[in-house]
Amino acid sequence: MDNKITIDQVAKICGVSKTTISRYLNRKYENISEETRQRIEQVITELNYRPNRSAQRLKASRSMLIGCCIGNIASPFAGLLLKGITETCEAAGYQVLFADSKEDSRREVRAIEGFLENRVDGLIVNTTGGNDEFLIAVQNERGVPVVLADRSLRRQGRLDTVTSEYQKSTADCVAMMLEYGYRKIAFFTEVIHSVMPRIQRRESFFNAFSGRRDGAQPFLYEFSADIEGDCLRCIRDFVEKNRGERLAVLSVNGVTAIHILRAMQQAGITPGYDFGFCTFDDWSWFSLISPGITTIRQETERLGSTAAELLLERLRGERVSGTPAMDIELPTAFIMRGSLVRERE
């Protein structure tokens, strides 16, 4: 009986997460209410649950370090992602080491090699997209589990991955813009390189126009944030090519949106009726910019905590080496504000 009881069963009966049970077992009570502690103690006693001894011995031989490499650690997205990762890992007794790849695949490899030299027990990677085979080899050949956060491999299903739901949210946004009377719609992104969310959102954007016969037309603009005025050049080109039309822009993410909004301001454009605007990421200040920026909200903090939990499952031995990789897509939400306005009848 004892051997059949798992931490999953204890957590389910208690109505809490496995992380909370792990906190309790490791005597980290500070974030557990007295009522919850008593409930966990009662269930553990009734089930005669005992933590897996071999797993405990394995844990004792570990460094209790997690390596986390982020594509752009300066972005608000990264801050939310890291919050979810850190809180979940620390609750399970792990310390998280961070590195910023600065969207450079070579820096990413160097950072991960540095983590491995420090004997990290696992890795969470917001990958640049240029190191798929390297990441797979780290897990399969070097025995260090890897979880991808927000950015997948080109061929999914080979490493545990947590992303947001891109395809439907992109298609829904385009459908909303078309319903509101915008007919010339541009997808704006920083240079795509091999970054999978940018690739997937671009593909979903163009797929949303497939088969239309109503004059709606998609445009694509890639700009470099390192080149002064490059985004402004793209905005002016889009306007010049479509004079007299109601235009709209979908931004690939919040960082890109900052560049677009600055360029629109320089060009004397206010988002709204004549020039619609929507972006992925719903940062708090988007609601403060007049007339309010319409967004596709992602559960970024939850994305980080989910990625951490997948890694912890591997480290606890709940999903052993050879267990199929998991691909989890978290839902998004459409937050409607004044930067998209319905055509006047």
C-alpha atoms as a PDB file:
ATOM      1  CA  MET A   1       0.000   0.000   0.000  1.00  0.00           C
ATOM      2  CA  ASP A   2       2.752   2.462   0.992  1.00  0.00           C
ATOM      3  CA  ASN A   3       4.582   2.082  -2.277  1.00  0.00           C
ATOM      4  CA  LYS A   4       1.454   2.789  -4.301  1.00  0.00           C
ATOM      5  CA  ILE A   5       0.738   6.164  -2.749  1.00  0.00           C
ATOM      6  CA  THR A   6       2.281   9.025  -4.741  1.00  0.00           C
ATOM      7  CA  ILE A   7       2.722  12.714  -4.119  1.00  0.00           C
ATOM      8  CA  ASP A   8       0.189  13.321  -6.920  1.00  0.00           C
ATOM      9  CA  GLN A   9      -2.471  11.389  -5.004  1.00  0.00           C
ATOM     10  CA  VAL A  10      -1.720  13.219  -1.769  1.00  0.00           C
ATOM     11  CA  ALA A  11      -1.931  16.596  -3.540  1.00  0.00           C
ATOM     12  CA  LYS A  12      -5.218  15.677  -5.270  1.00  0.00           C
ATOM     13  CA  ILE A  13      -6.883  14.524  -2.061  1.00  0.00           C
ATOM     14  CA  CYS A  14      -5.681  17.627  -0.215  1.00  0.00           C
ATOM     15  CA  GLY A  15      -6.817  19.891  -3.038  1.00  0.00           C
ATOM     16  CA  VAL A  16      -3.421  21.572  -3.352  1.00  0.00           C
ATOM     17  CA  SER A  17      -0.492  21.475  -5.784  1.00  0.00           C
ATOM     18  CA  LYS A  18       2.421  19.032  -5.647  1.00  0.00           C
ATOM     19  CA  THR A  19       4.616  22.047  -4.923  1.00  0.00           C
ATOM     20  CA  THR A  20       2.644  22.720  -1.723  1.00  0.00           C
ATOM     21  CA  ILE A  21       3.060  19.090  -0.635  1.00  0.00           C
ATOM     22  CA  SER A  22       6.782  19.363  -1.384  1.00  0.00           C
ATOM     23  CA  ARG A  23       6.963  22.539   0.711  1.00  0.00           C
ATOM     24  CA  TYR A  24       5.281  20.738   3.596  1.00  0.00           C
ATOM     25  CA  LEU A  25       7.580  17.710   3.373  1.00  0.00           C
ATOM     26  CA  ASN A  26      10.611  20.020   3.350  1.00  0.00           C
ATOM     27  CA  ARG A  27       9.225  21.936   6.350  1.00  0.00           C
ATOM     28  CA  LYS A  28       8.856  25.174   4.365  1.00  0.00           C
ATOM     29  CA  TYR A  29       5.654  26.254   6.080  1.00  0.00           C
ATOM     30  CA  GLU A  30       5.829  30.031   5.612  1.00  0.00           C
ATOM     31  CA  ASN A  31       3.397  30.131   2.647  1.00  0.00           C
ATOM     32  CA  ILE A  32       1.079  27.356   3.884  1.00  0.00           C
ATOM     33  CA  SER A  33      -1.888  28.227   6.069  1.00  0.00           C
ATOM     34  CA  GLU A  34      -2.397  26.405   9.369  1.00  0.00           C
ATOM     35  CA  GLU A  35      -5.613  24.868   8.031  1.00  0.00           C
ATOM     36  CA  THR A  36      -3.820  23.509   4.949  1.00  0.00           C
ATOM     37  CA  ARG A  37      -0.962  22.140   7.053  1.00  0.00           C
ATOM     38  CA  GLN A  38      -3.379  20.259   9.259  1.00  0.00           C
ATOM     39  CA  ARG A  39      -5.208  18.884   6.242  1.00  0.00           C
ATOM     40  CA  ILE A  40      -1.967  17.663   4.624  1.00  0.00           C
ATOM     41  CA  GLU A  41      -0.825  16.075   7.898  1.00  0.00           C
ATOM     42  CA  GLN A  42      -4.170  14.309   8.253  1.00  0.00           C
ATOM     43  CA  VAL A  43      -4.121  12.929   4.690  1.00  0.00           C
ATOM     44  CA  ILE A  44      -0.494  11.784   4.960  1.00  0.00           C
ATOM     45  CA  THR A  45      -1.301   9.985   8.211  1.00  0.00           C
ATOM     46  CA  GLU A  46      -4.477   8.359   6.847  1.00  0.00           C
ATOM     47  CA  LEU A  47      -2.726   7.164   3.688  1.00  0.00           C
ATOM     48  CA  ASN A  48       0.439   6.209   5.558  1.00  0.00           C
ATOM     49  CA  TYR A  49       2.292   8.078   2.827  1.00  0.00           C
ATOM     50  CA  ARG A  50       6.087   7.983   2.827  1.00  0.00           C
ATOM     51  CA  PRO A  51       8.243   9.956   0.371  1.00  0.00           C
ATOM     52  CA  ASN A  52      10.129   7.771  -2.092  1.00  0.00           C
ATOM     53  CA  ARG A  53      13.415   6.843  -0.392  1.00  0.00           C
ATOM     54  CA  SER A  54      15.397   6.457  -3.603  1.00  0.00           C
ATOM     55  CA  ALA A  55      14.173   9.854  -4.760  1.00  0.00           C
ATOM     56  CA  GLN A  56      15.282  11.340  -1.448  1.00  0.00           C
ATOM     57  CA  ARG A  57      18.727   9.786  -1.769  1.00  0.00           C
ATOM     58  CA  LEU A  58      18.936  11.112  -5.330  1.00  0.00           C
ATOM     59  CA  LYS A  59      17.969  14.558  -4.121  1.00  0.00           C
ATOM     60  CA  ALA A  60      20.717  14.457  -1.513  1.00  0.00           C
ATOM     61  CA  SER A  61      23.300  14.005  -4.276  1.00  0.00           C
ATOM     62  CA  ARG A  62      22.040  16.956  -6.261  1.00  0.00           C
ATOM     63  CA  SER A  63      23.287  20.519  -6.433  1.00  0.00           C
ATOM     64  CA  MET A  64      19.735  21.849  -5.974  1.00  0.00           C
ATOM     65  CA  LEU A  65      20.481  24.365  -8.732  1.00  0.00           C
ATOM     66  CA  ILE A  66      18.358  25.102 -11.807  1.00  0.00           C
ATOM     67  CA  GLY A  67      19.839  26.930 -14.798  1.00  0.00           C
ATOM     68  CA  CYS A  68      17.554  29.340 -16.624  1.00  0.00           C
ATOM     69  CA  CYS A  69      18.547  31.031 -19.900  1.00  0.00           C
ATOM     70  CA  ILE A  70      16.324  33.864 -21.186  1.00  0.00           C
ATOM     71  CA  GLY A  71      16.294  35.417 -24.657  1.00  0.00           C
ATOM     72  CA  ASN A  72      15.978  39.022 -23.463  1.00  0.00           C
ATOM     73  CA  ILE A  73      16.077  39.394 -19.717  1.00  0.00           C
ATOM     74  CA  ALA A  74      15.423  43.162 -19.908  1.00  0.00           C
ATOM     75  CA  SER A  75      11.860  42.794 -21.205  1.00  0.00           C
ATOM     76  CA  PRO A  76       8.786  42.939 -18.921  1.00  0.00           C
ATOM     77  CA  PHE A  77       7.824  39.537 -20.354  1.00  0.00           C
ATOM     78  CA  ALA A  78      11.031  38.057 -18.927  1.00  0.00           C
ATOM     79  CA  GLY A  79      10.325  39.550 -15.513  1.00  0.00           C
ATOM     80  CA  LEU A  80       6.941  37.826 -15.299  1.00  0.00           C
ATOM     81  CA  LEU A  81       8.321  34.570 -16.699  1.00  0.00           C
ATOM     82  CA  LEU A  82      11.177  34.523 -14.188  1.00  0.00           C
ATOM     83  CA  LYS A  83       8.814  35.291 -11.311  1.00  0.00           C
ATOM     84  CA  GLY A  84       6.805  32.159 -12.071  1.00  0.00           C
ATOM     85  CA  ILE A  85       9.934  30.041 -12.505  1.00  0.00           C
ATOM     86  CA  THR A  86      11.679  31.322  -9.377  1.00  0.00           C
ATOM     87  CA  GLU A  87       8.746  31.030  -6.993  1.00  0.00           C
ATOM     88  CA  THR A  88       7.978  27.456  -8.052  1.00  0.00           C
ATOM     89  CA  CYS A  89      11.597  26.272  -7.962  1.00  0.00           C
ATOM     90  CA  GLU A  90      12.395  27.952  -4.649  1.00  0.00           C
ATOM     91  CA  ALA A  91       9.274  26.467  -3.064  1.00  0.00           C
ATOM     92  CA  ALA A  92      10.696  23.043  -3.931  1.00  0.00           C
ATOM     93  CA  GLY A  93      14.071  23.901  -2.395  1.00  0.00           C
ATOM     94  CA  TYR A  94      15.957  24.806  -5.586  1.00  0.00           C
ATOM     95  CA  GLN A  95      18.008  27.913  -6.323  1.00  0.00           C
ATOM     96  CA  VAL A  96      17.738  29.378  -9.838  1.00  0.00           C
ATOM     97  CA  LEU A  97      20.746  30.676 -11.782  1.00  0.00           C
ATOM     98  CA  PHE A  98      19.953  33.107 -14.609  1.00  0.00           C
ATOM     99  CA  ALA A  99      21.636  34.044 -17.879  1.00  0.00           C
ATOM    100  CA  ASP A 100      20.669  36.393 -20.713  1.00  0.00           C
ATOM    101  CA  SER A 101      21.387  35.121 -24.233  1.00  0.00           C
ATOM    102  CA  LYS A 102      20.576  38.546 -25.726  1.00  0.00           C
ATOM    103  CA  GLU A 103      18.901  36.598 -28.572  1.00  0.00           C
ATOM    104  CA  ASP A 104      22.306  35.207 -29.590  1.00  0.00           C
ATOM    105  CA  SER A 105      22.450  31.431 -30.107  1.00  0.00           C
ATOM    106  CA  ARG A 106      26.179  31.311 -29.339  1.00  0.00           C
ATOM    107  CA  ARG A 107      25.693  33.138 -26.040  1.00  0.00           C
ATOM    108  CA  GLU A 108      22.921  30.675 -25.246  1.00  0.00           C
ATOM    109  CA  VAL A 109      25.269  27.695 -25.715  1.00  0.00           C
ATOM    110  CA  ARG A 110      27.980  29.339 -23.598  1.00  0.00           C
ATOM    111  CA  ALA A 111      25.488  30.074 -20.825  1.00  0.00           C
ATOM    112  CA  ILE A 112      24.177  26.512 -20.785  1.00  0.00           C
ATOM    113  CA  GLU A 113      27.689  25.074 -20.794  1.00  0.00           C
ATOM    114  CA  GLY A 114      28.418  27.313 -17.805  1.00  0.00           C
ATOM    115  CA  PHE A 115      25.339  25.999 -16.013  1.00  0.00           C
ATOM    116  CA  LEU A 116      26.430  22.416 -16.694  1.00  0.00           C
ATOM    117  CA  GLU A 117      29.900  23.133 -15.292  1.00  0.00           C
ATOM    118  CA  ASN A 118      28.130  24.267 -12.118  1.00  0.00           C
ATOM    119  CA  ARG A 119      26.309  20.896 -12.020  1.00  0.00           C
ATOM    120  CA  VAL A 120      22.779  22.241 -12.353  1.00  0.00           C
ATOM    121  CA  ASP A 121      20.129  19.561 -11.931  1.00  0.00           C
ATOM    122  CA  GLY A 122      17.982  20.844 -14.793  1.00  0.00           C
ATOM    123  CA  LEU A 123      17.497  23.633 -17.311  1.00  0.00           C
ATOM    124  CA  ILE A 124      14.663  25.948 -18.304  1.00  0.00           C
ATOM    125  CA  VAL A 125      15.380  27.670 -21.605  1.00  0.00           C
ATOM    126  CA  ASN A 126      13.632  30.503 -23.434  1.00  0.00           C
ATOM    127  CA  THR A 127      15.589  29.551 -26.517  1.00  0.00           C
ATOM    128  CA  THR A 128      16.808  31.702 -29.383  1.00  0.00           C
ATOM    129  CA  GLY A 129      15.752  28.913 -31.747  1.00  0.00           C
ATOM    130  CA  GLY A 130      19.184  28.174 -33.175  1.00  0.00           C
ATOM    131  CA  ASN A 131      20.252  25.355 -30.861  1.00  0.00           C
ATOM    132  CA  ASP A 132      17.638  22.615 -31.201  1.00  0.00           C
ATOM    133  CA  GLU A 133      20.021  19.666 -31.568  1.00  0.00           C
ATOM    134  CA  PHE A 134      22.293  20.973 -28.814  1.00  0.00           C
ATOM    135  CA  LEU A 135      19.391  21.211 -26.340  1.00  0.00           C
ATOM    136  CA  ILE A 136      18.172  17.726 -27.231  1.00  0.00           C
ATOM    137  CA  ALA A 137      21.694  16.347 -26.716  1.00  0.00           C
ATOM    138  CA  VAL A 138      21.969  18.027 -23.304  1.00  0.00           C
ATOM    139  CA  GLN A 139      18.945  16.029 -22.148  1.00  0.00           C
ATOM    140  CA  ASN A 140      19.442  12.756 -24.038  1.00  0.00           C
ATOM    141  CA  GLU A 141      23.221  12.424 -23.937  1.00  0.00           C
ATOM    142  CA  ARG A 142      24.258  14.399 -20.863  1.00  0.00           C
ATOM    143  CA  GLY A 143      21.277  13.419 -18.751  1.00  0.00           C
ATOM    144  CA  VAL A 144      20.191  16.908 -17.698  1.00  0.00           C
ATOM    145  CA  PRO A 145      16.442  17.465 -18.190  1.00  0.00           C
ATOM    146  CA  VAL A 146      15.482  20.510 -20.283  1.00  0.00           C
ATOM    147  CA  VAL A 147      12.164  22.348 -20.390  1.00  0.00           C
ATOM    148  CA  LEU A 148      11.450  25.038 -22.980  1.00  0.00           C
ATOM    149  CA  ALA A 149       9.511  28.117 -21.847  1.00  0.00           C
ATOM    150  CA  ASP A 150       7.468  30.088 -24.406  1.00  0.00           C
ATOM    151  CA  ARG A 151       9.660  29.045 -27.357  1.00  0.00           C
ATOM    152  CA  SER A 152       9.485  25.581 -28.858  1.00  0.00           C
ATOM    153  CA  LEU A 153      11.782  23.569 -31.090  1.00  0.00           C
ATOM    154  CA  ARG A 154      11.101  23.555 -34.824  1.00  0.00           C
ATOM    155  CA  ARG A 155      10.109  19.915 -34.427  1.00  0.00           C
ATOM    156  CA  GLN A 156       7.909  19.745 -31.364  1.00  0.00           C
ATOM    157  CA  GLY A 157       7.487  16.716 -29.140  1.00  0.00           C
ATOM    158  CA  ARG A 158      11.172  16.172 -28.357  1.00  0.00           C
ATOM    159  CA  LEU A 159      11.516  18.276 -25.193  1.00  0.00           C
ATOM    160  CA  ASP A 160       8.968  19.325 -22.570  1.00  0.00           C
ATOM    161  CA  THR A 161       7.575  22.666 -23.748  1.00  0.00           C
ATOM    162  CA  VAL A 162       5.158  25.285 -22.405  1.00  0.00           C
ATOM    163  CA  THR A 163       3.836  27.941 -24.792  1.00  0.00           C
ATOM    164  CA  SER A 164       0.816  30.182 -25.222  1.00  0.00           C
ATOM    165  CA  GLU A 165      -1.957  29.479 -27.700  1.00  0.00           C
ATOM    166  CA  TYR A 166      -0.740  31.432 -30.759  1.00  0.00           C
ATOM    167  CA  GLN A 167      -2.693  30.218 -33.763  1.00  0.00           C
ATOM    168  CA  LYS A 168      -6.258  30.804 -32.613  1.00  0.00           C
ATOM    169  CA  SER A 169      -5.498  34.112 -30.884  1.00  0.00           C
ATOM    170  CA  THR A 170      -3.758  35.475 -33.992  1.00  0.00           C
ATOM    171  CA  ALA A 171      -6.611  34.352 -36.249  1.00  0.00           C
ATOM    172  CA  ASP A 172      -9.204  35.816 -33.865  1.00  0.00           C
ATOM    173  CA  CYS A 173      -7.384  39.152 -33.797  1.00  0.00           C
ATOM    174  CA  VAL A 174      -7.259  39.361 -37.599  1.00  0.00           C
ATOM    175  CA  ALA A 175     -10.954  38.406 -37.764  1.00  0.00           C
ATOM    176  CA  MET A 176     -11.772  41.196 -35.303  1.00  0.00           C
ATOM    177  CA  MET A 177      -9.810  43.751 -37.327  1.00  0.00           C
ATOM    178  CA  LEU A 178     -11.593  42.715 -40.528  1.00  0.00           C
ATOM    179  CA  GLU A 179     -14.991  42.810 -38.812  1.00  0.00           C
ATOM    180  CA  TYR A 180     -14.196  46.342 -37.641  1.00  0.00           C
ATOM    181  CA  GLY A 181     -13.578  47.435 -41.229  1.00  0.00           C
ATOM    182  CA  TYR A 182      -9.783  47.438 -41.465  1.00  0.00           C
ATOM    183  CA  ARG A 183      -8.734  46.059 -44.848  1.00  0.00           C
ATOM    184  CA  LYS A 184      -4.989  46.671 -44.980  1.00  0.00           C
ATOM    185  CA  ILE A 185      -3.392  44.957 -41.999  1.00  0.00           C
ATOM    186  CA  ALA A 186       0.322  44.648 -41.264  1.00  0.00           C
ATOM    187  CA  PHE A 187       2.176  42.217 -39.046  1.00  0.00           C
ATOM    188  CA  PHE A 188       5.114  43.997 -37.380  1.00  0.00           C
ATOM    189  CA  THR A 189       7.998  42.132 -35.793  1.00  0.00           C
ATOM    190  CA  GLU A 190      11.625  42.569 -34.943  1.00  0.00           C
ATOM    191  CA  VAL A 191      13.862  40.465 -37.206  1.00  0.00           C
ATOM    192  CA  ILE A 192      12.419  36.958 -36.945  1.00  0.00           C
ATOM    193  CA  HIS A 193      15.623  34.872 -37.147  1.00  0.00           C
ATOM    194  CA  SER A 194      14.776  31.420 -35.674  1.00  0.00           C
ATOM    195  CA  VAL A 195      12.538  32.595 -32.808  1.00  0.00           C
ATOM    196  CA  MET A 196       9.555  30.242 -32.963  1.00  0.00           C
ATOM    197  CA  PRO A 197       6.787  32.501 -31.535  1.00  0.00           C
ATOM    198  CA  ARG A 198       7.634  35.091 -34.204  1.00  0.00           C
ATOM    199  CA  ILE A 199       7.593  32.408 -36.911  1.00  0.00           C
ATOM    200  CA  GLN A 200       4.347  30.833 -35.683  1.00  0.00           C
ATOM    201  CA  ARG A 201       2.512  34.136 -35.270  1.00  0.00           C
ATOM    202  CA  ARG A 202       3.610  35.304 -38.715  1.00  0.00           C
ATOM    203  CA  GLU A 203       2.355  32.080 -40.296  1.00  0.00           C
ATOM    204  CA  SER A 204      -0.943  32.251 -38.411  1.00  0.00           C
ATOM    205  CA  PHE A 205      -1.362  35.880 -39.471  1.00  0.00           C
ATOM    206  CA  PHE A 206      -1.057  35.097 -43.183  1.00  0.00           C
ATOM    207  CA  ASN A 207      -3.185  31.950 -42.857  1.00  0.00           C
ATOM    208  CA  ALA A 208      -6.005  34.133 -41.516  1.00  0.00           C
ATOM    209  CA  PHE A 209      -6.234  35.845 -44.934  1.00  0.00           C
ATOM    210  CA  SER A 210      -6.314  32.614 -46.931  1.00  0.00           C
ATOM    211  CA  GLY A 211      -9.229  32.381 -49.342  1.00  0.00           C
ATOM    212  CA  ARG A 212     -10.583  35.893 -48.724  1.00  0.00           C
ATOM    213  CA  ARG A 213     -12.086  37.747 -51.704  1.00  0.00           C
ATOM    214  CA  ASP A 214     -13.090  41.026 -50.029  1.00  0.00           C
ATOM    215  CA  GLY A 215      -9.995  43.098 -50.811  1.00  0.00           C
ATOM    216  CA  ALA A 216      -8.401  42.536 -47.424  1.00  0.00           C
ATOM    217  CA  GLN A 217      -4.632  42.466 -47.757  1.00  0.00           C
ATOM    218  CA  PRO A 218      -1.861  41.403 -45.342  1.00  0.00           C
ATOM    219  CA  PHE A 219       1.562  43.051 -45.083  1.00  0.00           C
ATOM    220  CA  LEU A 220       4.735  41.992 -43.298  1.00  0.00           C
ATOM    221  CA  TYR A 221       7.299  44.352 -41.800  1.00  0.00           C
ATOM    222  CA  GLU A 222      10.480  43.176 -40.074  1.00  0.00           C
ATOM    223  CA  PHE A 223      12.647  45.864 -38.523  1.00  0.00           C
ATOM    224  CA  SER A 224      15.836  45.989 -36.509  1.00  0.00           C
ATOM    225  CA  ALA A 225      15.637  47.639 -33.105  1.00  0.00           C
ATOM    226  CA  ASP A 226      19.369  48.314 -33.381  1.00  0.00           C
ATOM    227  CA  ILE A 227      18.921  50.567 -36.434  1.00  0.00           C
ATOM    228  CA  GLU A 228      17.746  54.067 -35.556  1.00  0.00           C
ATOM    229  CA  GLY A 229      14.465  54.899 -37.260  1.00  0.00           C
ATOM    230  CA  ASP A 230      13.977  51.470 -38.857  1.00  0.00           C
ATOM    231  CA  CYS A 231      10.542  50.938 -37.318  1.00  0.00           C
ATOM    232  CA  LEU A 232       9.505  54.493 -38.280  1.00  0.00           C
ATOM    233  CA  ARG A 233      10.575  53.759 -41.859  1.00  0.00           C
ATOM    234  CA  CYS A 234       8.297  50.696 -41.880  1.00  0.00           C
ATOM    235  CA  ILE A 235       5.331  52.643 -40.487  1.00  0.00           C
ATOM    236  CA  ARG A 236       5.732  55.383 -43.103  1.00  0.00           C
ATOM    237  CA  ASP A 237       6.052  52.810 -45.904  1.00  0.00           C
ATOM    238  CA  PHE A 238       2.850  51.066 -44.782  1.00  0.00           C
ATOM    239  CA  VAL A 239       0.961  54.386 -44.706  1.00  0.00           C
ATOM    240  CA  GLU A 240       2.346  55.594 -48.045  1.00  0.00           C
ATOM    241  CA  LYS A 241       1.376  52.392 -49.851  1.00  0.00           C
ATOM    242  CA  ASN A 242      -2.190  52.493 -48.552  1.00  0.00           C
ATOM    243  CA  ARG A 243      -3.308  56.119 -48.519  1.00  0.00           C
ATOM    244  CA  GLY A 244      -7.038  56.550 -48.055  1.00  0.00           C
ATOM    245  CA  GLU A 245      -7.419  53.121 -46.437  1.00  0.00           C
ATOM    246  CA  ARG A 246      -8.226  52.199 -42.856  1.00  0.00           C
ATOM    247  CA  LEU A 247      -5.038  50.557 -41.647  1.00  0.00           C
ATOM    248  CA  ALA A 248      -4.236  48.292 -38.721  1.00  0.00           C
ATOM    249  CA  VAL A 249      -1.121  46.738 -37.206  1.00  0.00           C
ATOM    250  CA  LEU A 250      -0.690  43.544 -35.194  1.00  0.00           C
ATOM    251  CA  SER A 251       2.512  43.563 -33.134  1.00  0.00           C
ATOM    252  CA  VAL A 252       4.294  40.270 -32.472  1.00  0.00           C
ATOM    253  CA  ASN A 253       4.920  41.116 -28.799  1.00  0.00           C
ATOM    254  CA  GLY A 254       5.090  43.855 -26.201  1.00  0.00           C
ATOM    255  CA  VAL A 255       8.721  44.837 -26.835  1.00  0.00           C
ATOM    256  CA  THR A 256       7.948  45.318 -30.517  1.00  0.00           C
ATOM    257  CA  ALA A 257       4.847  47.299 -29.538  1.00  0.00           C
ATOM    258  CA  ILE A 258       7.006  49.855 -27.711  1.00  0.00           C
ATOM    259  CA  HIS A 259       8.971  50.541 -30.900  1.00  0.00           C
ATOM    260  CA  ILE A 260       5.768  50.741 -32.967  1.00  0.00           C
ATOM    261  CA  LEU A 261       4.020  53.147 -30.598  1.00  0.00           C
ATOM    262  CA  ARG A 262       7.089  55.384 -30.521  1.00  0.00           C
ATOM    263  CA  ALA A 263       7.260  55.350 -34.331  1.00  0.00           C
ATOM    264  CA  MET A 264       3.545  56.119 -34.600  1.00  0.00           C
ATOM    265  CA  GLN A 265       4.003  59.088 -32.288  1.00  0.00           C
ATOM    266  CA  GLN A 266       6.895  60.365 -34.421  1.00  0.00           C
ATOM    267  CA  ALA A 267       4.754  59.977 -37.541  1.00  0.00           C
ATOM    268  CA  GLY A 268       1.842  61.868 -35.954  1.00  0.00           C
ATOM    269  CA  ILE A 269      -0.399  58.785 -35.844  1.00  0.00           C
ATOM    270  CA  THR A 270      -2.825  58.106 -32.992  1.00  0.00           C
ATOM    271  CA  PRO A 271      -4.010  54.504 -32.648  1.00  0.00           C
ATOM    272  CA  GLY A 272      -7.745  54.155 -33.074  1.00  0.00           C
ATOM    273  CA  TYR A 273     -10.255  54.605 -35.916  1.00  0.00           C
ATOM    274  CA  ASP A 274      -7.995  55.216 -38.935  1.00  0.00           C
ATOM    275  CA  PHE A 275      -5.023  53.247 -37.669  1.00  0.00           C
ATOM    276  CA  GLY A 276      -5.956  50.234 -35.564  1.00  0.00           C
ATOM    277  CA  PHE A 277      -3.426  48.601 -33.282  1.00  0.00           C
ATOM    278  CA  CYS A 278      -3.187  45.372 -31.280  1.00  0.00           C
ATOM    279  CA  THR A 279      -0.278  43.569 -29.645  1.00  0.00           C
ATOM    280  CA  PHE A 280       0.555  40.326 -27.916  1.00  0.00           C
ATOM    281  CA  ASP A 281       1.344  40.862 -24.193  1.00  0.00           C
ATOM    282  CA  ASP A 282      -0.865  42.891 -21.892  1.00  0.00           C
ATOM    283  CA  TRP A 283       1.452  45.003 -19.777  1.00  0.00           C
ATOM    284  CA  SER A 284      -0.225  47.220 -17.192  1.00  0.00           C
ATOM    285  CA  TRP A 285       0.693  50.513 -18.827  1.00  0.00           C
ATOM    286  CA  PHE A 286      -0.974  49.576 -22.141  1.00  0.00           C
ATOM    287  CA  SER A 287      -4.283  50.556 -20.544  1.00  0.00           C
ATOM    288  CA  LEU A 288      -2.864  53.995 -19.676  1.00  0.00           C
ATOM    289  CA  ILE A 289      -1.845  54.969 -23.221  1.00  0.00           C
ATOM    290  CA  SER A 290      -4.686  56.906 -24.840  1.00  0.00           C
ATOM    291  CA  PRO A 291      -7.030  55.562 -26.147  1.00  0.00           C
ATOM    292  CA  GLY A 292      -5.995  52.254 -24.478  1.00  0.00           C
ATOM    293  CA  ILE A 293      -4.124  49.530 -26.359  1.00  0.00           C
ATOM    294  CA  THR A 294      -5.991  46.394 -27.405  1.00  0.00           C
ATOM    295  CA  THR A 295      -3.968  43.322 -26.454  1.00  0.00           C
ATOM    296  CA  ILE A 296      -3.756  39.548 -26.564  1.00  0.00           C
ATOM    297  CA  ARG A 297      -3.067  38.718 -22.948  1.00  0.00           C
ATOM    298  CA  GLN A 298      -0.743  35.796 -22.166  1.00  0.00           C
ATOM    299  CA  GLU A 299      -0.492  34.114 -18.774  1.00  0.00           C
ATOM    300  CA  THR A 300       3.246  34.712 -18.620  1.00  0.00           C
ATOM    301  CA  GLU A 301       3.821  34.108 -14.910  1.00  0.00           C
ATOM    302  CA  ARG A 302       1.781  30.903 -15.092  1.00  0.00           C
ATOM    303  CA  LEU A 303       3.809  29.885 -18.142  1.00  0.00           C
ATOM    304  CA  GLY A 304       6.993  30.154 -16.072  1.00  0.00           C
ATOM    305  CA  SER A 305       5.577  28.240 -13.114  1.00  0.00           C
ATOM    306  CA  THR A 306       4.211  25.507 -15.394  1.00  0.00           C
ATOM    307  CA  ALA A 307       7.609  25.094 -17.069  1.00  0.00           C
ATOM    308  CA  ALA A 308       9.233  24.844 -13.625  1.00  0.00           C
ATOM    309  CA  GLU A 309       6.702  22.258 -12.476  1.00  0.00           C
ATOM    310  CA  LEU A 310       7.383  20.096 -15.544  1.00  0.00           C
ATOM    311  CA  LEU A 311      11.078  20.191 -14.724  1.00  0.00           C
ATOM    312  CA  LEU A 312      10.452  19.355 -11.075  1.00  0.00           C
ATOM    313  CA  GLU A 313       8.381  16.342 -12.127  1.00  0.00           C
ATOM    314  CA  ARG A 314      11.420  15.033 -14.003  1.00  0.00           C
ATOM    315  CA  LEU A 315      13.708  15.743 -11.055  1.00  0.00           C
ATOM    316  CA  ARG A 316      11.352  14.014  -8.607  1.00  0.00           C
ATOM    317  CA  GLY A 317      11.358  10.941 -10.825  1.00  0.00           C
ATOM    318  CA  GLU A 318       7.654  11.220 -11.587  1.00  0.00           C
ATOM    319  CA  ARG A 319       8.449  11.242 -15.322  1.00  0.00           C
ATOM    320  CA  VAL A 320      11.627   9.288 -15.902  1.00  0.00           C
ATOM    321  CA  SER A 321      14.058   9.470 -18.808  1.00  0.00           C
ATOM    322  CA  GLY A 322      12.351   8.158 -21.933  1.00  0.00           C
ATOM    323  CA  THR A 323       8.901   9.379 -20.905  1.00  0.00           C
ATOM    324  CA  PRO A 324       7.342  11.234 -23.870  1.00  0.00           C
ATOM    325  CA  ALA A 325       7.792  14.981 -23.845  1.00  0.00           C
ATOM    326  CA  MET A 326       4.817  17.149 -22.929  1.00  0.00           C
ATOM    327  CA  ASP A 327       3.619  20.111 -25.010  1.00  0.00           C
ATOM    328  CA  ILE A 328       1.380  22.434 -23.012  1.00  0.00           C
ATOM    329  CA  GLU A 329      -0.415  25.432 -24.573  1.00  0.00           C
ATOM    330  CA  LEU A 330      -1.823  27.960 -22.125  1.00  0.00           C
ATOM    331  CA  PRO A 331      -4.887  29.980 -23.140  1.00  0.00           C
ATOM    332  CA  THR A 332      -4.784  33.648 -24.127  1.00  0.00           C
ATOM    333  CA  ALA A 333      -7.433  36.353 -23.712  1.00  0.00           C
ATOM    334  CA  PHE A 334      -8.435  39.202 -26.033  1.00  0.00           C
ATOM    335  CA  ILE A 335      -8.490  42.530 -24.113  1.00  0.00           C
ATOM    336  CA  MET A 336     -10.468  45.074 -26.103  1.00  0.00           C
ATOM    337  CA  ARG A 337      -9.563  48.765 -25.737  1.00  0.00           C
ATOM    338  CA  GLY A 338      -9.787  51.931 -27.833  1.00  0.00           C
ATOM    339  CA  SER A 339      -6.961  51.228 -30.287  1.00  0.00           C
ATOM    340  CA  LEU A 340      -9.389  49.136 -32.369  1.00  0.00           C
ATOM    341  CA  VAL A 341     -12.609  50.916 -33.384  1.00  0.00           C
ATOM    342  CA  ARG A 342     -15.521  49.554 -35.397  1.00  0.00           C
ATOM    343  CA  GLU A 343     -16.191  51.151 -38.797  1.00  0.00           C
ATOM    344  CA  ARG A 344     -18.900  53.806 -38.624  1.00  0.00           C
ATOM    345  CA  GLU A 345     -22.151  52.792 -40.273  1.00  0.00           C
END
